Amino acid sequence: MRTKTTILGFVIVLAAILCQIPAQGSNTETVTTKARLEALVDEYIACCEAKSALRGSRSEKIRHSAVRSCMKADFYRYSKKELVELMLENNIEPKAYKVRLFLNERFNVILQAKE
């Protein structure tokens, strides 16, 4: 009888340990995803900053686009943490095109709200 109780207790403890392993793996996955999203946001900020260097162009449309890119870079830089958290909440995959789409949509929502 005591052997059965010991084995049952061992099985319960083993099951509790095994149930915790996937939860820890999920946390590691979230940290990895967050780091990847932050890297993609940084890459997009760098692209916007590169485009903003065209502010001295002779073309009015290029200057306008460069100023808008400068505004985007500032917005993304100052809102980076909040944007990454929103991406995690919305389950945005860490792929460049999905991150860019999300960032552009958020920028346009904020820009329209200010106008």
Protein backbone atom coordinates (compact mmCIF):
# COMPACT_ATOMS: atom_id res chain seq x y z
CA MET A 1 0.00 0.00 0.00
CA ARG A 2 2.77 2.41 0.90
CA THR A 3 4.56 1.62 -2.38
CA LYS A 4 1.45 2.55 -4.35
CA THR A 5 1.19 5.87 -2.48
CA THR A 6 4.86 6.60 -3.13
CA ILE A 7 4.53 5.79 -6.82
CA LEU A 8 1.37 7.89 -7.10
CA GLY A 9 3.12 10.82 -5.40
CA PHE A 10 6.10 10.43 -7.74
CA VAL A 11 3.82 10.41 -10.80
CA ILE A 12 2.04 13.57 -9.58
CA VAL A 13 5.34 15.40 -9.01
CA LEU A 14 6.65 14.24 -12.41
CA ALA A 15 3.47 15.42 -14.13
CA ALA A 16 3.73 18.82 -12.43
CA ILE A 17 7.33 19.18 -13.58
CA LEU A 18 6.53 18.16 -17.15
CA CYS A 19 3.64 20.62 -17.32
CA GLN A 20 5.98 23.48 -16.40
CA ILE A 21 8.49 22.78 -19.20
CA PRO A 22 6.28 23.99 -22.10
CA ALA A 23 5.40 27.15 -20.19
CA GLN A 24 9.08 27.98 -19.75
CA GLY A 25 9.70 27.29 -23.44
CA SER A 26 6.92 29.70 -24.35
CA ASN A 27 8.53 32.43 -22.24
CA THR A 28 11.86 31.91 -24.02
CA GLU A 29 10.05 32.05 -27.35
CA THR A 30 8.38 35.33 -26.37
CA VAL A 31 11.71 36.87 -25.41
CA THR A 32 13.23 35.76 -28.72
CA THR A 33 10.25 37.11 -30.67
CA LYS A 34 10.43 40.41 -28.80
CA ALA A 35 14.14 40.77 -29.57
CA ARG A 36 13.52 40.00 -33.25
CA LEU A 37 10.68 42.54 -33.43
CA GLU A 38 12.87 45.19 -31.80
CA ALA A 39 15.62 44.48 -34.33
CA LEU A 40 13.15 44.82 -37.22
CA VAL A 41 11.87 48.11 -35.82
CA ASP A 42 15.46 49.35 -35.55
CA GLU A 43 16.08 48.35 -39.18
CA TYR A 44 12.98 50.25 -40.29
CA ILE A 45 14.05 53.31 -38.30
CA ALA A 46 17.40 53.18 -40.09
CA CYS A 47 15.61 53.01 -43.47
CA CYS A 48 13.46 56.01 -42.57
CA GLU A 49 16.50 57.97 -41.44
CA ALA A 50 18.30 57.16 -44.69
CA LYS A 51 15.33 58.41 -46.67
CA SER A 52 15.10 61.55 -44.55
CA ALA A 53 18.57 62.51 -45.80
CA LEU A 54 16.88 63.51 -49.08
CA ARG A 55 15.35 66.64 -47.51
CA GLY A 56 17.68 68.81 -49.60
CA SER A 57 16.41 67.46 -52.91
CA ARG A 58 15.24 69.79 -55.65
CA SER A 59 12.03 67.80 -56.09
CA GLU A 60 9.17 68.95 -53.89
CA LYS A 61 7.67 65.44 -53.74
CA ILE A 62 10.96 63.91 -52.64
CA ARG A 63 11.40 66.59 -49.98
CA HIS A 64 7.85 65.95 -48.73
CA SER A 65 8.52 62.21 -48.61
CA ALA A 66 11.81 62.81 -46.77
CA VAL A 67 10.12 64.99 -44.15
CA ARG A 68 7.45 62.32 -43.65
CA SER A 69 10.17 59.69 -43.26
CA CYS A 70 11.86 61.88 -40.66
CA MET A 71 8.58 62.10 -38.76
CA LYS A 72 8.17 58.31 -38.99
CA ALA A 73 11.68 57.69 -37.67
CA ASP A 74 11.06 59.99 -34.70
CA PHE A 75 7.71 58.38 -33.94
CA TYR A 76 9.10 54.83 -34.13
CA ARG A 77 12.17 55.71 -32.06
CA TYR A 78 10.16 57.29 -29.22
CA SER A 79 7.33 54.72 -29.30
CA LYS A 80 9.43 51.62 -29.86
CA LYS A 81 8.62 49.83 -26.60
CA GLU A 82 4.88 50.43 -26.90
CA LEU A 83 4.86 49.38 -30.55
CA VAL A 84 6.71 46.13 -29.81
CA GLU A 85 4.29 45.36 -26.97
CA LEU A 86 1.34 46.00 -29.31
CA MET A 87 2.88 43.71 -31.91
CA LEU A 88 3.26 40.96 -29.31
CA GLU A 89 -0.35 41.43 -28.18
CA ASN A 90 -1.56 41.26 -31.80
CA ASN A 91 0.61 38.20 -32.55
CA ILE A 92 2.51 39.93 -35.35
CA GLU A 93 5.09 37.54 -36.72
CA PRO A 94 8.67 38.83 -36.74
CA LYS A 95 8.80 39.22 -40.51
CA ALA A 96 9.97 42.45 -42.09
CA TYR A 97 6.92 43.02 -44.28
CA LYS A 98 4.45 42.39 -41.44
CA VAL A 99 6.33 44.68 -39.07
CA ARG A 100 6.52 47.45 -41.68
CA LEU A 101 2.81 47.17 -42.41
CA PHE A 102 1.96 47.34 -38.71
CA LEU A 103 4.27 50.30 -38.12
CA ASN A 104 2.92 52.23 -41.11
CA GLU A 105 -0.67 51.61 -40.03
CA ARG A 106 0.05 52.84 -36.49
CA PHE A 107 1.85 55.92 -37.82
CA ASN A 108 -1.06 56.75 -40.13
CA VAL A 109 -3.59 56.34 -37.30
CA ILE A 110 -1.61 58.70 -35.08
CA LEU A 111 -1.05 61.18 -37.91
CA GLN A 112 -4.77 61.24 -38.79
CA ALA A 113 -5.68 61.71 -35.13
CA LYS A 114 -3.46 64.79 -34.92
CA GLU A 115 -4.92 66.38 -38.08
